[in-house]
Protein backbone atom coordinates (compact mmCIF):
# COMPACT_ATOMS: atom_id res chain seq x y z
CA MET A 1 16.05 -53.35 37.28
CA THR A 2 17.23 -55.18 40.38
CA ARG A 3 18.23 -52.98 43.31
CA SER A 4 20.10 -53.78 46.48
CA GLN A 5 17.64 -53.82 49.37
CA ILE A 6 18.13 -53.10 53.07
CA ARG A 7 17.25 -56.13 55.17
CA ASP A 8 16.87 -56.79 58.88
CA SER A 9 18.92 -59.28 60.89
CA ALA A 10 16.60 -62.09 59.81
CA GLY A 11 17.06 -61.23 56.13
CA VAL A 12 13.59 -59.72 55.69
CA ALA A 13 13.51 -56.82 53.21
CA LEU A 14 12.71 -53.39 54.71
CA TYR A 15 10.66 -51.09 52.49
CA ARG A 16 9.73 -47.44 52.57
CA HIS A 17 5.98 -46.93 53.04
CA GLU A 18 4.23 -43.69 52.10
CA ALA A 19 0.71 -42.30 52.57
CA ILE A 20 -0.96 -40.53 49.63
CA GLY A 21 -3.98 -38.22 49.76
CA ALA A 22 -6.35 -37.72 46.81
CA VAL A 23 -8.56 -34.83 47.95
CA LEU A 24 -11.58 -34.06 45.76
CA GLN A 25 -13.90 -31.06 45.75
CA VAL A 26 -16.59 -29.75 43.41
CA ARG A 27 -15.59 -26.17 42.60
CA GLY A 28 -17.59 -23.54 40.74
CA GLU A 29 -21.35 -23.17 40.43
CA GLY A 30 -24.03 -24.24 38.00
CA VAL A 31 -22.76 -25.25 34.57
CA ASP A 32 -19.26 -24.14 35.61
CA ALA A 33 -19.02 -26.66 38.46
CA ARG A 34 -16.12 -29.11 38.09
CA LEU A 35 -14.87 -32.02 40.17
CA CYS A 36 -11.28 -31.11 41.09
CA VAL A 37 -8.33 -32.75 42.82
CA LEU A 38 -5.72 -31.08 45.00
CA THR A 39 -2.20 -31.26 43.52
CA ALA A 40 1.14 -29.73 44.42
CA VAL A 41 4.23 -29.25 42.24
CA ARG A 42 7.16 -31.20 43.68
CA ARG A 43 10.17 -29.14 44.71
CA SER A 44 12.67 -32.01 44.92
CA ALA A 45 13.77 -35.09 42.99
CA PRO A 46 12.51 -37.42 41.81
CA PHE A 47 9.98 -35.65 39.56
CA ALA A 48 11.01 -32.13 40.60
CA GLY A 49 8.69 -29.60 38.95
CA VAL A 50 5.97 -32.21 38.29
CA PRO A 51 2.50 -32.17 39.95
CA ALA A 52 1.84 -34.80 42.60
CA LEU A 53 -0.68 -35.62 45.28
CA PRO A 54 0.12 -34.72 48.89
CA SER A 55 2.18 -37.64 50.15
CA GLY A 56 5.14 -38.66 52.26
CA PRO A 57 6.66 -41.38 54.44
CA VAL A 58 4.84 -43.09 57.29
CA GLU A 59 6.78 -42.50 60.50
CA PRO A 60 7.36 -45.37 62.99
CA GLY A 61 4.96 -43.95 65.58
CA GLU A 62 2.12 -43.21 63.15
CA THR A 63 -0.88 -45.04 61.83
CA LEU A 64 -1.48 -44.72 58.09
CA GLU A 65 -4.39 -42.32 58.67
CA GLU A 66 -2.31 -40.16 61.00
CA SER A 67 0.40 -40.04 58.36
CA VAL A 68 -1.85 -39.01 55.49
CA LEU A 69 -3.48 -36.33 57.65
CA ARG A 70 -0.04 -34.97 58.53
CA HIS A 71 0.99 -34.75 54.89
CA LEU A 72 -2.36 -33.25 53.88
CA ALA A 73 -2.03 -30.63 56.62
CA ALA A 74 1.01 -29.27 54.80
CA LYS A 75 -1.22 -28.49 51.78
CA VAL A 76 -4.76 -27.92 53.07
CA ASP A 77 -6.64 -27.29 56.32
CA VAL A 78 -7.51 -30.86 57.29
CA ALA A 79 -10.23 -29.57 59.60
CA GLY A 80 -12.10 -28.86 56.35
CA LEU A 81 -12.07 -32.52 55.30
CA ALA A 82 -15.64 -33.77 55.43
CA HIS A 83 -14.70 -37.39 54.73
CA LEU A 84 -11.58 -39.55 54.58
CA GLU A 85 -11.30 -43.24 53.65
CA GLN A 86 -8.58 -45.61 52.53
CA LEU A 87 -8.47 -46.33 48.79
CA GLY A 88 -5.86 -49.04 48.41
CA THR A 89 -2.19 -49.96 48.31
CA SER A 90 0.21 -49.66 45.36
CA SER A 91 3.13 -52.10 45.36
CA ASP A 92 4.59 -51.92 41.83
CA PRO A 93 8.36 -52.25 42.41
CA SER A 94 9.03 -49.51 39.84
CA ARG A 95 6.51 -46.91 41.09
CA ASP A 96 9.28 -44.89 42.79
CA PRO A 97 12.50 -44.57 40.74
CA ALA A 98 14.50 -43.61 43.84
CA GLN A 99 13.79 -46.64 46.02
CA ARG A 100 11.36 -49.48 46.64
CA THR A 101 8.28 -47.74 48.07
CA ILE A 102 4.87 -49.11 48.93
CA GLY A 103 2.11 -46.48 48.79
CA THR A 104 -1.24 -46.51 50.58
CA SER A 105 -3.70 -43.98 49.19
CA TYR A 106 -6.68 -42.22 50.73
CA LEU A 107 -9.73 -40.43 49.33
CA GLY A 108 -10.56 -37.14 51.02
CA LEU A 109 -13.57 -34.92 50.29
CA VAL A 110 -14.02 -31.19 50.86
CA SER A 111 -17.49 -29.63 50.77
CA ALA A 112 -18.42 -27.27 47.94
CA GLY A 113 -17.91 -23.62 48.83
CA GLU A 114 -15.01 -24.25 51.20
CA GLU A 115 -11.86 -22.29 50.32
CA PRO A 116 -8.98 -23.75 52.33
CA GLU A 117 -5.76 -21.78 52.14
CA LEU A 118 -3.14 -23.46 49.92
CA PRO A 119 0.64 -23.06 49.66
CA ASP A 120 1.95 -21.38 46.52
CA ASN A 121 2.88 -24.67 44.85
CA ALA A 122 -0.58 -26.24 45.31
CA ALA A 123 -3.69 -25.93 43.13
CA TRP A 124 -7.08 -27.49 42.41
CA VAL A 125 -7.10 -29.23 39.01
CA PRO A 126 -10.23 -30.54 37.22
CA VAL A 127 -10.14 -34.34 37.23
CA ASP A 128 -10.92 -34.45 33.50
CA GLY A 129 -7.80 -32.41 32.80
CA VAL A 130 -5.21 -33.94 35.12
CA PRO A 131 -1.74 -33.69 33.57
CA GLU A 132 0.99 -36.29 33.82
CA MET A 133 1.85 -36.69 37.50
CA ALA A 134 4.73 -37.92 39.62
CA PHE A 135 4.96 -41.60 40.53
CA ASP A 136 1.61 -43.36 39.96
CA HIS A 137 -0.44 -40.48 41.31
CA ARG A 138 -2.53 -40.04 38.18
CA VAL A 139 -3.73 -43.63 38.59
CA VAL A 140 -4.57 -42.85 42.23
CA VAL A 141 -6.69 -39.88 41.08
CA GLU A 142 -8.57 -42.12 38.63
CA HIS A 143 -9.15 -44.64 41.41
CA ALA A 144 -10.43 -41.90 43.74
CA VAL A 145 -12.89 -40.62 41.14
CA ARG A 146 -14.20 -44.13 40.44
CA ARG A 147 -14.64 -44.77 44.16
CA LEU A 148 -16.54 -41.52 44.70
CA ARG A 149 -18.83 -42.10 41.73
CA ALA A 150 -19.57 -45.66 42.81
CA LYS A 151 -20.34 -44.64 46.39
CA LEU A 152 -22.72 -41.92 45.26
CA SER A 153 -24.97 -44.76 44.02
CA TYR A 154 -25.27 -46.71 47.26
CA THR A 155 -24.24 -44.44 50.17
CA ASN A 156 -24.94 -40.93 51.42
CA VAL A 157 -21.36 -39.79 50.67
CA GLY A 158 -22.84 -36.78 48.87
CA PHE A 159 -23.04 -35.15 52.31
CA ALA A 160 -19.28 -34.63 52.17
CA LEU A 161 -19.55 -32.74 48.89
CA MET A 162 -22.24 -30.32 50.12
CA PRO A 163 -22.43 -27.51 52.66
CA ALA A 164 -24.70 -28.02 55.66
CA GLU A 165 -27.75 -26.59 53.84
CA PHE A 166 -28.54 -26.28 50.15
CA THR A 167 -31.25 -26.14 47.49
CA ILE A 168 -32.03 -28.98 45.10
CA ALA A 169 -30.57 -26.90 42.25
CA GLU A 170 -27.29 -26.60 44.16
CA LEU A 171 -27.32 -30.31 44.99
CA ARG A 172 -27.91 -31.23 41.35
CA SER A 173 -25.03 -29.01 40.21
CA VAL A 174 -22.63 -30.80 42.56
CA TYR A 175 -23.90 -34.28 41.67
CA VAL A 176 -23.62 -33.59 37.92
CA ALA A 177 -20.02 -32.45 38.38
CA ALA A 178 -19.13 -35.39 40.64
CA LEU A 179 -20.81 -38.06 38.50
CA GLY A 180 -19.70 -36.68 35.15
CA HIS A 181 -23.17 -36.90 33.59
CA ASP A 182 -26.50 -35.11 33.78
CA VAL A 183 -29.02 -35.81 36.53
CA ALA A 184 -32.63 -34.62 36.57
CA PRO A 185 -33.28 -32.55 39.73
CA THR A 186 -36.68 -34.15 40.39
CA ASN A 187 -35.24 -37.66 40.08
CA LEU A 188 -32.29 -36.77 42.31
CA GLN A 189 -34.57 -35.39 45.02
CA ARG A 190 -36.93 -38.37 44.74
CA VAL A 191 -34.19 -41.01 44.96
CA LEU A 192 -32.28 -39.41 47.83
CA THR A 193 -35.48 -38.72 49.78
CA ARG A 194 -36.69 -42.30 49.26
CA ARG A 195 -33.37 -43.56 50.61
CA GLY A 196 -33.73 -41.37 53.70
CA GLN A 197 -30.76 -39.19 52.84
CA LEU A 198 -32.46 -35.79 52.50
CA GLU A 199 -34.77 -33.77 54.69
CA SER A 200 -36.21 -30.30 54.38
CA THR A 201 -35.06 -27.69 56.89
CA GLY A 202 -38.43 -25.99 56.65
CA GLU A 203 -36.74 -22.84 55.38
CA MET A 204 -36.90 -21.09 52.01
CA THR A 205 -34.24 -19.09 50.20
CA SER A 206 -34.66 -15.36 49.81
CA PRO A 207 -35.60 -14.05 46.35
CA GLY A 208 -32.50 -13.20 44.31
CA ALA A 209 -31.62 -9.81 42.92
CA LYS A 210 -33.33 -10.78 39.65
CA GLY A 211 -36.44 -12.03 41.40
CA GLY A 212 -37.59 -15.60 41.01
CA ARG A 213 -39.41 -17.93 43.36
CA PRO A 214 -37.81 -18.83 46.70
CA ALA A 215 -36.50 -22.41 46.84
CA ARG A 216 -36.82 -24.96 49.61
CA VAL A 217 -33.69 -25.59 51.67
CA PHE A 218 -32.55 -29.15 52.37
CA ARG A 219 -29.85 -30.94 54.34
CA PHE A 220 -28.48 -34.48 54.59
CA VAL A 221 -30.01 -36.47 57.45
CA ASP A 222 -26.60 -37.94 58.36
CA ARG A 223 -23.23 -36.27 57.99
CA GLU A 224 -21.33 -39.50 58.49
CA LEU A 225 -21.04 -42.27 55.91
CA VAL A 226 -24.06 -44.59 55.78
CA VAL A 227 -24.82 -47.35 53.26
CA THR A 228 -28.32 -46.50 52.06
CA ASP A 229 -28.85 -48.88 49.13
CA PRO A 230 -26.53 -51.91 49.44
CA PHE A 231 -27.81 -53.63 46.28
CA ALA A 232 -27.89 -50.60 43.99
CA VAL A 233 -25.12 -51.94 41.76
CA LEU A 234 -27.06 -55.18 41.19
CA ARG A 235 -30.18 -53.48 39.88
CA PRO A 236 -30.78 -53.33 36.13
CA GLU A 237 -30.70 -49.94 34.44
């Protein structure tokens, strides 16, 4: 459908631009751990009553990152974001039924165990059970999950999914949930240690209420994004 479009004095079309945040977190423990995305039910048209990602217009005095952080702050404590990066730009003319809108999306990560306060219309939804969403936000979620899973193979982005200190069992639980497939704990520890991502704190966990051997405590060497294996995707299985 052709729409009339606002243009400047030179005849150049003026478009609405919005920032979109796909915030992921591994929630739950052990076999119950799930990779989840933050959604919020829209209260206004278009798509009133339908889940969407935190999003909204970019103001004239904002950068894209400032805009997405502002819209995320309305749904979650952005101080709890361990990582934020730009995903891409959506320019399908029909993505917003109300008006021509270009959307730039971001991937945000929250560490496991964090419980940021949410408004009553927001919730964490497992990525393997995302319902139909407003606009093209379900596609954005799929893009965010693919980006995270790819980066887990060649960067240390796992730091943003984990608390400051953890056991290998806890690390494995989060990686299995994030990757969507099983990972052997010994292989995970070996690979991440070889790539210089992990180091031991020198501490041990206390025995649990049911006994059991104490476990070594680890941490990520860097808590900022680092490319650790730039050619991982080129290696044969």
